[in-house]
Amino acid sequence: MKKRNDKSWTFSRQINLSVVVQLILLASLIITSWLNLQRQLDLLQYDVTRLLQTQKEFQDSLQNLSYKMISCEHRICTLENSYAKSDCNK
């Protein structure tokens, strides 16, 4: 038989209760962090969707105002032209 070398490394296969508790706590930390990230991503997605919807509504409002402005400009030009013609006739 060979003599055992006392300076060699040994690996213990025993699992202590503290190791199990630490592994459970680590797993619960990972799971809760994952769930928290998912919740924050859902909130972010809702905020971005709401922002895009608000931007679309604002764009539609600006387009309506643009159409009204063009209409008013056309009416003003028509009134100015009719007023200029009536001044020339006097």
Protein backbone atom coordinates (compact mmCIF):
# COMPACT_ATOMS: atom_id res chain seq x y z
CA MET A 1 0.00 0.00 0.00
CA LYS A 2 1.06 3.49 -0.75
CA LYS A 3 1.38 6.04 1.94
CA ARG A 4 -1.09 8.86 1.86
CA ASN A 5 0.35 12.27 1.16
CA ASP A 6 -0.94 14.59 3.90
CA LYS A 7 -0.34 17.65 1.74
CA SER A 8 -2.86 16.72 -0.96
CA TRP A 9 -6.24 18.36 -1.33
CA THR A 10 -9.38 16.55 -0.30
CA PHE A 11 -12.93 17.19 -1.30
CA SER A 12 -15.71 16.59 1.17
CA ARG A 13 -18.97 15.35 -0.32
CA GLN A 14 -21.01 16.30 2.70
CA ILE A 15 -23.69 18.93 2.30
CA ASN A 16 -24.39 21.01 5.35
CA LEU A 17 -27.76 22.47 6.16
CA SER A 18 -26.26 25.96 5.83
CA VAL A 19 -25.22 25.20 2.24
CA VAL A 20 -28.76 24.08 1.40
CA VAL A 21 -30.22 27.21 3.01
CA GLN A 22 -27.76 29.40 1.11
CA LEU A 23 -28.64 27.70 -2.19
CA ILE A 24 -32.36 28.15 -1.53
CA LEU A 25 -31.86 31.81 -0.66
CA LEU A 26 -29.74 32.35 -3.76
CA ALA A 27 -32.37 30.68 -5.95
CA SER A 28 -35.15 32.79 -4.40
CA LEU A 29 -33.08 35.95 -4.94
CA ILE A 30 -32.57 35.06 -8.59
CA ILE A 31 -36.26 34.29 -9.09
CA THR A 32 -37.48 37.47 -7.37
CA SER A 33 -34.99 39.56 -9.35
CA TRP A 34 -36.22 37.97 -12.59
CA LEU A 35 -39.86 38.60 -11.66
CA ASN A 36 -39.07 42.20 -10.74
CA LEU A 37 -37.35 42.75 -14.08
CA GLN A 38 -40.33 41.25 -15.91
CA ARG A 39 -42.70 43.55 -14.04
CA GLN A 40 -40.57 46.59 -14.84
CA LEU A 41 -40.43 45.57 -18.52
CA ASP A 42 -44.22 45.27 -18.57
CA LEU A 43 -44.56 48.75 -17.07
CA LEU A 44 -42.08 50.12 -19.58
CA GLN A 45 -43.96 48.51 -22.45
CA TYR A 46 -47.22 50.05 -21.19
CA ASP A 47 -45.58 53.48 -20.90
CA VAL A 48 -44.10 53.29 -24.40
CA THR A 49 -47.42 52.14 -25.87
CA ARG A 50 -49.25 54.99 -24.13
CA LEU A 51 -46.60 57.48 -25.31
CA LEU A 52 -46.96 56.32 -28.92
CA GLN A 53 -50.74 56.57 -28.68
CA THR A 54 -50.53 60.09 -27.26
CA GLN A 55 -48.06 61.08 -29.98
CA LYS A 56 -50.45 59.78 -32.65
CA GLU A 57 -53.34 61.76 -31.13
CA PHE A 58 -51.18 64.89 -30.99
CA GLN A 59 -50.12 64.39 -34.61
CA ASP A 60 -53.77 64.07 -35.65
CA SER A 61 -54.62 67.27 -33.76
CA LEU A 62 -51.79 69.14 -35.48
CA GLN A 63 -52.94 67.88 -38.86
CA ASN A 64 -56.50 69.06 -38.16
CA LEU A 65 -55.17 72.47 -37.12
CA SER A 66 -53.10 72.62 -40.28
CA TYR A 67 -56.19 71.92 -42.43
CA LYS A 68 -58.15 74.59 -40.55
CA MET A 69 -55.30 77.09 -40.97
CA ILE A 70 -55.16 76.47 -44.72
CA SER A 71 -58.92 76.87 -44.92
CA CYS A 72 -58.79 80.13 -42.99
CA GLU A 73 -55.96 81.45 -45.16
CA HIS A 74 -57.97 80.62 -48.26
CA ARG A 75 -61.01 82.42 -46.86
CA ILE A 76 -58.89 85.46 -45.95
CA CYS A 77 -57.37 85.58 -49.43
CA THR A 78 -60.86 85.36 -50.94
CA LEU A 79 -62.10 88.18 -48.71
CA GLU A 80 -59.04 90.31 -49.51
CA ASN A 81 -59.51 89.75 -53.23
CA SER A 82 -63.20 90.60 -53.07
CA TYR A 83 -62.45 93.71 -50.99
CA ALA A 84 -59.72 94.79 -53.42
CA LYS A 85 -62.16 94.36 -56.36
CA SER A 86 -64.84 96.37 -54.58
CA ASP A 87 -62.35 99.19 -53.93
CA CYS A 88 -61.35 99.25 -57.59
CA ASN A 89 -65.01 99.49 -58.65
CA LYS A 90 -65.66 102.56 -56.47
